[in-house]
């Protein structure tokens, strides 16, 4: 069987597809996200963060969703666990 008309672009997209499928089915244990409101796919909570005094919003989120404190590669939970 002879493969003809295969371009470098075809090989590039095929390798990207294989990589994405491999990443989707890998069983890696990721670090938990800090507590907060659910975000949108790809952009997360970028649209939720105000331009002026964002620390006030973060403080409200800390009170509403709980706190997650990180100390030297271990996670300590305060009120609610990280998601």
PDB file of N, CA and C in Angstrom:
ATOM      1  N   UNK A   1       0.844  -1.166   0.000  1.00  0.00           N
ATOM      2  CA  UNK A   1       0.000   0.000   0.000  1.00  0.00           C
ATOM      3  C   UNK A   1       0.891   1.231   0.000  1.00  0.00           C
ATOM      4  N   UNK A   2       0.635   2.110  -0.914  1.00  0.00           N
ATOM      5  CA  UNK A   2       1.440   3.311  -1.081  1.00  0.00           C
ATOM      6  C   UNK A   2       0.617   4.528  -0.679  1.00  0.00           C
ATOM      7  N   UNK A   3       1.146   5.318   0.248  1.00  0.00           N
ATOM      8  CA  UNK A   3       0.453   6.533   0.681  1.00  0.00           C
ATOM      9  C   UNK A   3       0.966   7.685  -0.170  1.00  0.00           C
ATOM     10  N   UNK A   4       0.037   8.341  -0.826  1.00  0.00           N
ATOM     11  CA  UNK A   4       0.423   9.469  -1.667  1.00  0.00           C
ATOM     12  C   UNK A   4      -0.252  10.744  -1.176  1.00  0.00           C
ATOM     13  N   UNK A   5       0.286  11.842  -1.548  1.00  0.00           N
ATOM     14  CA  UNK A   5      -0.251  13.160  -1.234  1.00  0.00           C
ATOM     15  C   UNK A   5      -0.363  13.435   0.268  1.00  0.00           C
ATOM     16  N   UNK A   6       0.558  12.899   1.027  1.00  0.00           N
ATOM     17  CA  UNK A   6       0.610  13.221   2.453  1.00  0.00           C
ATOM     18  C   UNK A   6       1.586  14.380   2.615  1.00  0.00           C
ATOM     19  N   UNK A   7       1.098  15.460   3.186  1.00  0.00           N
ATOM     20  CA  UNK A   7       1.948  16.640   3.345  1.00  0.00           C
ATOM     21  C   UNK A   7       2.427  16.748   4.787  1.00  0.00           C
ATOM     22  N   UNK A   8       3.351  17.638   5.001  1.00  0.00           N
ATOM     23  CA  UNK A   8       3.830  17.883   6.361  1.00  0.00           C
ATOM     24  C   UNK A   8       2.706  18.417   7.240  1.00  0.00           C
ATOM     25  N   UNK A   9       1.800  19.162   6.654  1.00  0.00           N
ATOM     26  CA  UNK A   9       0.673  19.687   7.413  1.00  0.00           C
ATOM     27  C   UNK A   9      -0.240  18.556   7.879  1.00  0.00           C
ATOM     28  N   UNK A  10      -0.452  17.556   7.041  1.00  0.00           N
ATOM     29  CA  UNK A  10      -1.244  16.383   7.444  1.00  0.00           C
ATOM     30  C   UNK A  10      -0.585  15.648   8.615  1.00  0.00           C
ATOM     31  N   UNK A  11       0.725  15.459   8.533  1.00  0.00           N
ATOM     32  CA  UNK A  11       1.441  14.798   9.612  1.00  0.00           C
ATOM     33  C   UNK A  11       1.397  15.624  10.898  1.00  0.00           C
ATOM     34  N   UNK A  12       1.484  16.929  10.756  1.00  0.00           N
ATOM     35  CA  UNK A  12       1.410  17.809  11.920  1.00  0.00           C
ATOM     36  C   UNK A  12       0.061  17.676  12.618  1.00  0.00           C
ATOM     37  N   UNK A  13      -1.021  17.766  11.872  1.00  0.00           N
ATOM     38  CA  UNK A  13      -2.356  17.659  12.470  1.00  0.00           C
ATOM     39  C   UNK A  13      -2.619  16.259  13.041  1.00  0.00           C
ATOM     40  N   UNK A  14      -2.098  15.247  12.385  1.00  0.00           N
ATOM     41  CA  UNK A  14      -2.258  13.894  12.906  1.00  0.00           C
ATOM     42  C   UNK A  14      -1.509  13.732  14.230  1.00  0.00           C
ATOM     43  N   UNK A  15      -0.313  14.295  14.328  1.00  0.00           N
ATOM     44  CA  UNK A  15       0.443  14.182  15.577  1.00  0.00           C
ATOM     45  C   UNK A  15      -0.208  15.002  16.685  1.00  0.00           C
ATOM     46  N   UNK A  16      -0.768  16.150  16.361  1.00  0.00           N
ATOM     47  CA  UNK A  16      -1.505  16.943  17.356  1.00  0.00           C
ATOM     48  C   UNK A  16      -2.726  16.152  17.837  1.00  0.00           C
ATOM     49  N   UNK A  17      -3.428  15.504  16.946  1.00  0.00           N
ATOM     50  CA  UNK A  17      -4.585  14.694  17.317  1.00  0.00           C
ATOM     51  C   UNK A  17      -4.207  13.546  18.232  1.00  0.00           C
ATOM     52  N   UNK A  18      -3.118  12.858  17.934  1.00  0.00           N
ATOM     53  CA  UNK A  18      -2.663  11.756  18.778  1.00  0.00           C
ATOM     54  C   UNK A  18      -2.286  12.284  20.159  1.00  0.00           C
ATOM     55  N   UNK A  19      -1.602  13.411  20.217  1.00  0.00           N
ATOM     56  CA  UNK A  19      -1.218  14.007  21.491  1.00  0.00           C
ATOM     57  C   UNK A  19      -2.444  14.370  22.327  1.00  0.00           C
ATOM     58  N   UNK A  20      -3.452  14.984  21.705  1.00  0.00           N
ATOM     59  CA  UNK A  20      -4.652  15.383  22.440  1.00  0.00           C
ATOM     60  C   UNK A  20      -5.433  14.181  22.956  1.00  0.00           C
ATOM     61  N   UNK A  21      -5.524  13.135  22.166  1.00  0.00           N
ATOM     62  CA  UNK A  21      -6.211  11.920  22.612  1.00  0.00           C
ATOM     63  C   UNK A  21      -5.449  11.292  23.773  1.00  0.00           C
ATOM     64  N   UNK A  22      -4.123  11.274  23.676  1.00  0.00           N
ATOM     65  CA  UNK A  22      -3.313  10.724  24.761  1.00  0.00           C
ATOM     66  C   UNK A  22      -3.504  11.527  26.038  1.00  0.00           C
ATOM     67  N   UNK A  23      -3.532  12.846  25.944  1.00  0.00           N
ATOM     68  CA  UNK A  23      -3.732  13.694  27.117  1.00  0.00           C
ATOM     69  C   UNK A  23      -5.123  13.513  27.709  1.00  0.00           C
ATOM     70  N   UNK A  24      -6.113  13.312  26.869  1.00  0.00           N
ATOM     71  CA  UNK A  24      -7.486  13.163  27.348  1.00  0.00           C
ATOM     72  C   UNK A  24      -7.665  11.870  28.131  1.00  0.00           C
ATOM     73  N   UNK A  25      -6.939  10.829  27.777  1.00  0.00           N
ATOM     74  CA  UNK A  25      -7.110   9.542  28.427  1.00  0.00           C
ATOM     75  C   UNK A  25      -6.034   9.219  29.446  1.00  0.00           C
ATOM     76  N   UNK A  26      -5.128  10.137  29.699  1.00  0.00           N
ATOM     77  CA  UNK A  26      -4.097   9.871  30.701  1.00  0.00           C
ATOM     78  C   UNK A  26      -4.690  10.036  32.094  1.00  0.00           C
ATOM     79  N   UNK A  27      -4.191   9.287  33.042  1.00  0.00           N
ATOM     80  CA  UNK A  27      -4.715   9.272  34.405  1.00  0.00           C
ATOM     81  C   UNK A  27      -3.772  10.008  35.356  1.00  0.00           C
ATOM     82  N   UNK A  28      -3.463  11.253  35.042  1.00  0.00           N
ATOM     83  CA  UNK A  28      -2.584  12.021  35.901  1.00  0.00           C
ATOM     84  C   UNK A  28      -3.356  12.619  37.065  1.00  0.00           C
ATOM     85  N   UNK A  29      -2.729  12.656  38.214  1.00  0.00           N
ATOM     86  CA  UNK A  29      -3.312  13.300  39.389  1.00  0.00           C
ATOM     87  C   UNK A  29      -2.811  14.745  39.399  1.00  0.00           C
ATOM     88  N   UNK A  30      -3.702  15.670  39.127  1.00  0.00           N
ATOM     89  CA  UNK A  30      -3.333  17.076  39.102  1.00  0.00           C
ATOM     90  C   UNK A  30      -3.577  17.704  40.463  1.00  0.00           C
ATOM     91  N   UNK A  31      -2.864  18.756  40.747  1.00  0.00           N
ATOM     92  CA  UNK A  31      -3.088  19.493  41.989  1.00  0.00           C
ATOM     93  C   UNK A  31      -4.477  20.130  41.932  1.00  0.00           C
ATOM     94  N   UNK A  32      -5.163  20.178  43.068  1.00  0.00           N
ATOM     95  CA  UNK A  32      -6.500  20.774  43.058  1.00  0.00           C
ATOM     96  C   UNK A  32      -6.437  22.276  42.830  1.00  0.00           C
ATOM     97  N   UNK A  33      -7.469  22.790  42.211  1.00  0.00           N
ATOM     98  CA  UNK A  33      -7.558  24.224  42.000  1.00  0.00           C
ATOM     99  C   UNK A  33      -7.928  24.901  43.308  1.00  0.00           C
ATOM    100  N   UNK A  34      -7.557  26.157  43.473  1.00  0.00           N
ATOM    101  CA  UNK A  34      -8.013  26.869  44.662  1.00  0.00           C
ATOM    102  C   UNK A  34      -9.513  27.080  44.591  1.00  0.00           C
ATOM    103  N   UNK A  35     -10.164  27.314  45.737  1.00  0.00           N
ATOM    104  CA  UNK A  35     -11.613  27.476  45.724  1.00  0.00           C
ATOM    105  C   UNK A  35     -12.025  28.731  44.969  1.00  0.00           C
ATOM    106  N   UNK A  36     -13.183  28.674  44.383  1.00  0.00           N
ATOM    107  CA  UNK A  36     -13.700  29.825  43.652  1.00  0.00           C
ATOM    108  C   UNK A  36     -14.881  29.428  42.805  1.00  0.00           C
ATOM    109  N   UNK A  37     -15.470  30.411  42.144  1.00  0.00           N
ATOM    110  CA  UNK A  37     -16.625  30.117  41.305  1.00  0.00           C
ATOM    111  C   UNK A  37     -16.224  29.294  40.092  1.00  0.00           C
ATOM    112  N   UNK A  38     -17.141  28.519  39.547  1.00  0.00           N
ATOM    113  CA  UNK A  38     -16.802  27.746  38.349  1.00  0.00           C
ATOM    114  C   UNK A  38     -16.513  28.671  37.178  1.00  0.00           C
ATOM    115  N   UNK A  39     -15.542  28.286  36.378  1.00  0.00           N
ATOM    116  CA  UNK A  39     -15.146  29.117  35.246  1.00  0.00           C
ATOM    117  C   UNK A  39     -15.600  28.545  33.921  1.00  0.00           C
ATOM    118  N   UNK A  40     -15.380  29.315  32.887  1.00  0.00           N
ATOM    119  CA  UNK A  40     -15.680  28.893  31.523  1.00  0.00           C
ATOM    120  C   UNK A  40     -14.546  28.036  30.988  1.00  0.00           C
ATOM    121  N   UNK A  41     -14.821  27.156  30.028  1.00  0.00           N
ATOM    122  CA  UNK A  41     -13.732  26.388  29.416  1.00  0.00           C
ATOM    123  C   UNK A  41     -12.740  27.317  28.721  1.00  0.00           C
ATOM    124  N   UNK A  42     -11.492  27.010  28.846  1.00  0.00           N
ATOM    125  CA  UNK A  42     -10.358  27.714  28.246  1.00  0.00           C
ATOM    126  C   UNK A  42     -10.055  29.067  28.879  1.00  0.00           C
ATOM    127  N   UNK A  43     -11.051  29.872  29.246  1.00  0.00           N
ATOM    128  CA  UNK A  43     -10.743  31.202  29.783  1.00  0.00           C
ATOM    129  C   UNK A  43     -10.895  31.270  31.290  1.00  0.00           C
ATOM    130  N   UNK A  44     -11.494  30.266  31.894  1.00  0.00           N
ATOM    131  CA  UNK A  44     -11.615  30.230  33.347  1.00  0.00           C
ATOM    132  C   UNK A  44     -12.459  31.361  33.890  1.00  0.00           C
ATOM    133  N   UNK A  45     -11.909  32.098  34.858  1.00  0.00           N
ATOM    134  CA  UNK A  45     -12.627  33.185  35.506  1.00  0.00           C
ATOM    135  C   UNK A  45     -12.082  34.558  35.112  1.00  0.00           C
ATOM    136  N   UNK A  46     -11.475  34.653  33.960  1.00  0.00           N
ATOM    137  CA  UNK A  46     -10.896  35.925  33.533  1.00  0.00           C
ATOM    138  C   UNK A  46     -11.950  37.025  33.491  1.00  0.00           C
ATOM    139  N   UNK A  47     -13.155  36.704  33.062  1.00  0.00           N
ATOM    140  CA  UNK A  47     -14.201  37.714  32.947  1.00  0.00           C
ATOM    141  C   UNK A  47     -14.803  38.089  34.297  1.00  0.00           C
ATOM    142  N   UNK A  48     -14.563  37.286  35.336  1.00  0.00           N
ATOM    143  CA  UNK A  48     -15.110  37.557  36.667  1.00  0.00           C
ATOM    144  C   UNK A  48     -14.233  38.489  37.494  1.00  0.00           C
ATOM    145  N   UNK A  49     -12.986  38.659  37.108  1.00  0.00           N
ATOM    146  CA  UNK A  49     -12.050  39.458  37.895  1.00  0.00           C
ATOM    147  C   UNK A  49     -12.194  40.929  37.514  1.00  0.00           C
ATOM    148  N   UNK A  50     -12.497  41.794  38.491  1.00  0.00           N
ATOM    149  CA  UNK A  50     -12.640  43.219  38.175  1.00  0.00           C
ATOM    150  C   UNK A  50     -11.276  43.868  37.927  1.00  0.00           C
ATOM    151  N   UNK A  51     -11.296  44.986  37.211  1.00  0.00           N
ATOM    152  CA  UNK A  51     -10.052  45.692  36.899  1.00  0.00           C
ATOM    153  C   UNK A  51      -9.578  46.539  38.072  1.00  0.00           C
ATOM    154  N   UNK A  52     -10.494  47.010  38.897  1.00  0.00           N
ATOM    155  CA  UNK A  52     -10.114  47.829  40.039  1.00  0.00           C
ATOM    156  C   UNK A  52     -10.355  47.052  41.334  1.00  0.00           C
ATOM    157  N   UNK A  53      -9.378  47.064  42.189  1.00  0.00           N
ATOM    158  CA  UNK A  53      -9.419  46.408  43.505  1.00  0.00           C
ATOM    159  C   UNK A  53      -9.845  44.932  43.426  1.00  0.00           C
ATOM    160  N   UNK A  54      -9.109  44.118  42.677  1.00  0.00           N
ATOM    161  CA  UNK A  54      -9.501  42.705  42.558  1.00  0.00           C
ATOM    162  C   UNK A  54      -9.374  41.946  43.881  1.00  0.00           C
ATOM    163  N   UNK A  55      -8.551  42.416  44.805  1.00  0.00           N
ATOM    164  CA  UNK A  55      -8.385  41.715  46.079  1.00  0.00           C
ATOM    165  C   UNK A  55      -9.683  41.680  46.885  1.00  0.00           C
ATOM    166  N   UNK A  56     -10.567  42.655  46.676  1.00  0.00           N
ATOM    167  CA  UNK A  56     -11.852  42.633  47.357  1.00  0.00           C
ATOM    168  C   UNK A  56     -12.708  41.465  46.859  1.00  0.00           C
ATOM    169  N   UNK A  57     -12.671  41.239  45.555  1.00  0.00           N
ATOM    170  CA  UNK A  57     -13.401  40.103  44.982  1.00  0.00           C
ATOM    171  C   UNK A  57     -12.811  38.785  45.475  1.00  0.00           C
ATOM    172  N   UNK A  58     -11.480  38.707  45.543  1.00  0.00           N
ATOM    173  CA  UNK A  58     -10.845  37.486  46.028  1.00  0.00           C
ATOM    174  C   UNK A  58     -11.195  37.232  47.487  1.00  0.00           C
ATOM    175  N   UNK A  59     -11.305  38.289  48.278  1.00  0.00           N
ATOM    176  CA  UNK A  59     -11.694  38.130  49.683  1.00  0.00           C
ATOM    177  C   UNK A  59     -13.130  37.614  49.795  1.00  0.00           C
ATOM    178  N   UNK A  60     -14.026  38.130  48.950  1.00  0.00           N
ATOM    179  CA  UNK A  60     -15.414  37.641  48.947  1.00  0.00           C
ATOM    180  C   UNK A  60     -15.462  36.172  48.549  1.00  0.00           C
ATOM    181  N   UNK A  61     -14.690  35.806  47.536  1.00  0.00           N
ATOM    182  CA  UNK A  61     -14.652  34.412  47.103  1.00  0.00           C
ATOM    183  C   UNK A  61     -14.094  33.530  48.213  1.00  0.00           C
ATOM    184  N   UNK A  62     -13.101  34.033  48.943  1.00  0.00           N
ATOM    185  CA  UNK A  62     -12.539  33.253  50.047  1.00  0.00           C
ATOM    186  C   UNK A  62     -13.564  32.979  51.128  1.00  0.00           C
ATOM    187  N   UNK A  63     -14.402  33.978  51.412  1.00  0.00           N
ATOM    188  CA  UNK A  63     -15.441  33.790  52.425  1.00  0.00           C
ATOM    189  C   UNK A  63     -16.548  32.864  51.923  1.00  0.00           C
ATOM    190  N   UNK A  64     -16.894  33.006  50.646  1.00  0.00           N
ATOM    191  CA  UNK A  64     -18.000  32.231  50.086  1.00  0.00           C
ATOM    192  C   UNK A  64     -17.609  30.775  49.804  1.00  0.00           C
ATOM    193  N   UNK A  65     -16.442  30.560  49.229  1.00  0.00           N
ATOM    194  CA  UNK A  65     -16.046  29.226  48.780  1.00  0.00           C
ATOM    195  C   UNK A  65     -15.067  28.532  49.710  1.00  0.00           C
ATOM    196  N   UNK A  66     -14.630  29.199  50.762  1.00  0.00           N
ATOM    197  CA  UNK A  66     -13.659  28.605  51.676  1.00  0.00           C
ATOM    198  C   UNK A  66     -12.250  28.949  51.271  1.00  0.00           C
ATOM    199  N   UNK A  67     -11.321  28.519  52.099  1.00  0.00           N
ATOM    200  CA  UNK A  67      -9.924  28.834  51.833  1.00  0.00           C
ATOM    201  C   UNK A  67      -9.147  27.558  51.601  1.00  0.00           C
ATOM    202  N   UNK A  68      -8.107  27.680  50.831  1.00  0.00           N
ATOM    203  CA  UNK A  68      -7.190  26.573  50.599  1.00  0.00           C
ATOM    204  C   UNK A  68      -5.789  27.138  50.763  1.00  0.00           C
ATOM    205  N   UNK A  69      -5.093  26.704  51.773  1.00  0.00           N
ATOM    206  CA  UNK A  69      -3.758  27.213  52.046  1.00  0.00           C
ATOM    207  C   UNK A  69      -2.734  26.174  51.640  1.00  0.00           C
ATOM    208  N   UNK A  70      -1.686  26.594  50.948  1.00  0.00           N
ATOM    209  CA  UNK A  70      -0.657  25.666  50.517  1.00  0.00           C
ATOM    210  C   UNK A  70       0.619  25.910  51.307  1.00  0.00           C
ATOM    211  N   UNK A  71       1.164  24.843  51.866  1.00  0.00           N
ATOM    212  CA  UNK A  71       2.411  24.910  52.606  1.00  0.00           C
ATOM    213  C   UNK A  71       3.337  23.807  52.116  1.00  0.00           C
ATOM    214  N   UNK A  72       4.421  24.158  51.518  1.00  0.00           N
ATOM    215  CA  UNK A  72       5.491  23.239  51.129  1.00  0.00           C
ATOM    216  C   UNK A  72       4.977  21.909  50.561  1.00  0.00           C
ATOM    217  N   UNK A  73       4.337  21.969  49.440  1.00  0.00           N
ATOM    218  CA  UNK A  73       3.867  20.800  48.683  1.00  0.00           C
ATOM    219  C   UNK A  73       2.721  20.039  49.341  1.00  0.00           C
ATOM    220  N   UNK A  74       2.168  20.530  50.428  1.00  0.00           N
ATOM    221  CA  UNK A  74       0.992  19.914  51.023  1.00  0.00           C
ATOM    222  C   UNK A  74      -0.113  20.944  51.066  1.00  0.00           C
ATOM    223  N   UNK A  75      -1.326  20.476  51.031  1.00  0.00           N
ATOM    224  CA  UNK A  75      -2.465  21.379  51.016  1.00  0.00           C
ATOM    225  C   UNK A  75      -3.222  21.209  52.322  1.00  0.00           C
ATOM    226  N   UNK A  76      -3.474  22.313  52.981  1.00  0.00           N
ATOM    227  CA  UNK A  76      -4.231  22.299  54.216  1.00  0.00           C
ATOM    228  C   UNK A  76      -5.562  22.990  53.969  1.00  0.00           C
ATOM    229  N   UNK A  77      -6.630  22.362  54.399  1.00  0.00           N
ATOM    230  CA  UNK A  77      -7.949  22.877  54.109  1.00  0.00           C
ATOM    231  C   UNK A  77      -8.492  23.649  55.295  1.00  0.00           C
ATOM    232  N   UNK A  78      -9.131  24.718  55.007  1.00  0.00           N
ATOM    233  CA  UNK A  78      -9.762  25.550  56.002  1.00  0.00           C
ATOM    234  C   UNK A  78     -11.215  25.720  55.586  1.00  0.00           C
ATOM    235  N   UNK A  79     -12.141  25.273  56.287  1.00  0.00           N
ATOM    236  CA  UNK A  79     -13.592  25.291  56.048  1.00  0.00           C
ATOM    237  C   UNK A  79     -14.006  24.379  54.904  1.00  0.00           C
ATOM    238  N   UNK A  80     -13.730  24.700  53.681  1.00  0.00           N
ATOM    239  CA  UNK A  80     -14.149  23.881  52.550  1.00  0.00           C
ATOM    240  C   UNK A  80     -12.930  23.401  51.780  1.00  0.00           C
ATOM    241  N   UNK A  81     -12.954  22.195  51.228  1.00  0.00           N
ATOM    242  CA  UNK A  81     -11.808  21.709  50.477  1.00  0.00           C
ATOM    243  C   UNK A  81     -11.688  22.386  49.117  1.00  0.00           C
ATOM    244  N   UNK A  82     -10.486  22.370  48.602  1.00  0.00           N
ATOM    245  CA  UNK A  82     -10.258  22.861  47.239  1.00  0.00           C
ATOM    246  C   UNK A  82     -10.924  21.911  46.262  1.00  0.00           C
ATOM    247  N   UNK A  83     -11.308  22.408  45.111  1.00  0.00           N
ATOM    248  CA  UNK A  83     -11.917  21.515  44.131  1.00  0.00           C
ATOM    249  C   UNK A  83     -10.897  20.996  43.183  1.00  0.00           C
TER     250      UNK A  83
END
